[in-house]
Amino acid sequence: MKIEILGIGCAKCKKTADNAEQAIKELGIDAEIAKVEKIDEIMKYGVMMTPALVIDGNVKCAGKIPSADKIKGWIK
């Protein structure tokens, strides 16, 4: 499983990454977390607001910080 955090490295993006790491740890699964900070790469997903969270190529949310529980629901 690949989880991508789309954003330019702001505090909201960091919190989204922290929540994703927490969700993975609590579920005890093996997943890769990648940060995508280049605007042209972010635009390929059609995302206009960051932070955004992508799981296996599917945008799950954009423009807000998802909770660890919300991310766990998307992973399951």
Protein backbone atom coordinates (compact mmCIF):
# COMPACT_ATOMS: atom_id res chain seq x y z
CA MET A 1 0.00 0.00 0.00
CA LYS A 2 1.23 3.46 -0.87
CA ILE A 3 0.01 6.57 0.93
CA GLU A 4 0.95 9.93 -0.50
CA ILE A 5 0.72 13.27 1.27
CA LEU A 6 0.33 16.09 -1.24
CA GLY A 7 1.44 19.52 -0.10
CA ILE A 8 4.29 21.98 0.00
CA GLY A 9 5.46 21.05 3.48
CA CYS A 10 3.29 23.34 5.62
CA ALA A 11 2.19 22.52 9.17
CA LYS A 12 -1.12 21.09 7.90
CA CYS A 13 0.75 18.76 5.56
CA LYS A 14 2.99 17.60 8.40
CA LYS A 15 -0.05 16.91 10.62
CA THR A 16 -1.66 14.90 7.81
CA ALA A 17 1.53 12.83 7.49
CA ASP A 18 1.65 12.33 11.27
CA ASN A 19 -1.98 11.14 11.27
CA ALA A 20 -1.26 8.72 8.41
CA GLU A 21 1.73 7.29 10.28
CA GLN A 22 -0.39 6.89 13.41
CA ALA A 23 -3.13 5.09 11.44
CA ILE A 24 -0.63 2.67 9.90
CA LYS A 25 0.96 1.98 13.26
CA GLU A 26 -2.40 1.38 14.98
CA LEU A 27 -3.53 -0.99 12.20
CA GLY A 28 -0.19 -2.79 12.21
CA ILE A 29 0.09 -2.82 8.43
CA ASP A 30 3.00 -2.35 6.06
CA ALA A 31 2.60 0.79 4.00
CA GLU A 32 4.84 3.31 2.32
CA ILE A 33 4.29 7.00 3.04
CA ALA A 34 5.57 9.42 0.43
CA LYS A 35 5.47 13.20 0.50
CA VAL A 36 4.72 14.90 -2.82
CA GLU A 37 5.79 18.54 -2.64
CA LYS A 38 6.27 19.54 -6.29
CA ILE A 39 3.32 21.54 -7.60
CA ASP A 40 3.37 19.86 -11.04
CA GLU A 41 3.16 16.42 -9.39
CA ILE A 42 0.32 17.56 -7.11
CA MET A 43 -1.58 18.95 -10.10
CA LYS A 44 -1.48 15.53 -11.81
CA TYR A 45 -3.98 14.38 -9.18
CA GLY A 46 -6.33 17.29 -9.93
CA VAL A 47 -5.88 18.61 -6.40
CA MET A 48 -6.37 22.36 -5.99
CA MET A 49 -6.11 22.57 -2.19
CA THR A 50 -3.58 21.00 0.12
CA PRO A 51 -3.01 19.04 2.16
CA ALA A 52 -4.35 16.07 0.27
CA LEU A 53 -4.12 12.37 1.01
CA VAL A 54 -3.85 9.71 -1.69
CA ILE A 55 -4.08 5.97 -1.06
CA ASP A 56 -2.94 3.67 -3.87
CA GLY A 57 -3.49 6.42 -6.44
CA ASN A 58 -6.96 7.46 -5.23
CA VAL A 59 -7.44 10.93 -3.73
CA LYS A 60 -9.28 10.45 -0.43
CA CYS A 61 -9.39 14.06 0.74
CA ALA A 62 -8.08 17.50 -0.14
CA GLY A 63 -8.02 20.84 1.62
CA LYS A 64 -8.35 19.48 5.16
CA ILE A 65 -6.52 17.39 7.72
CA PRO A 66 -8.03 13.92 8.04
CA SER A 67 -7.96 12.30 11.48
CA ALA A 68 -6.07 9.07 12.07
CA ASP A 69 -9.42 7.31 12.55
CA LYS A 70 -10.70 8.60 9.20
CA ILE A 71 -7.51 7.39 7.50
CA LYS A 72 -7.87 3.98 9.16
CA GLY A 73 -11.37 3.72 7.67
CA TRP A 74 -10.04 4.45 4.19
CA ILE A 75 -7.26 1.88 4.59
CA LYS A 76 -9.62 -0.87 5.69
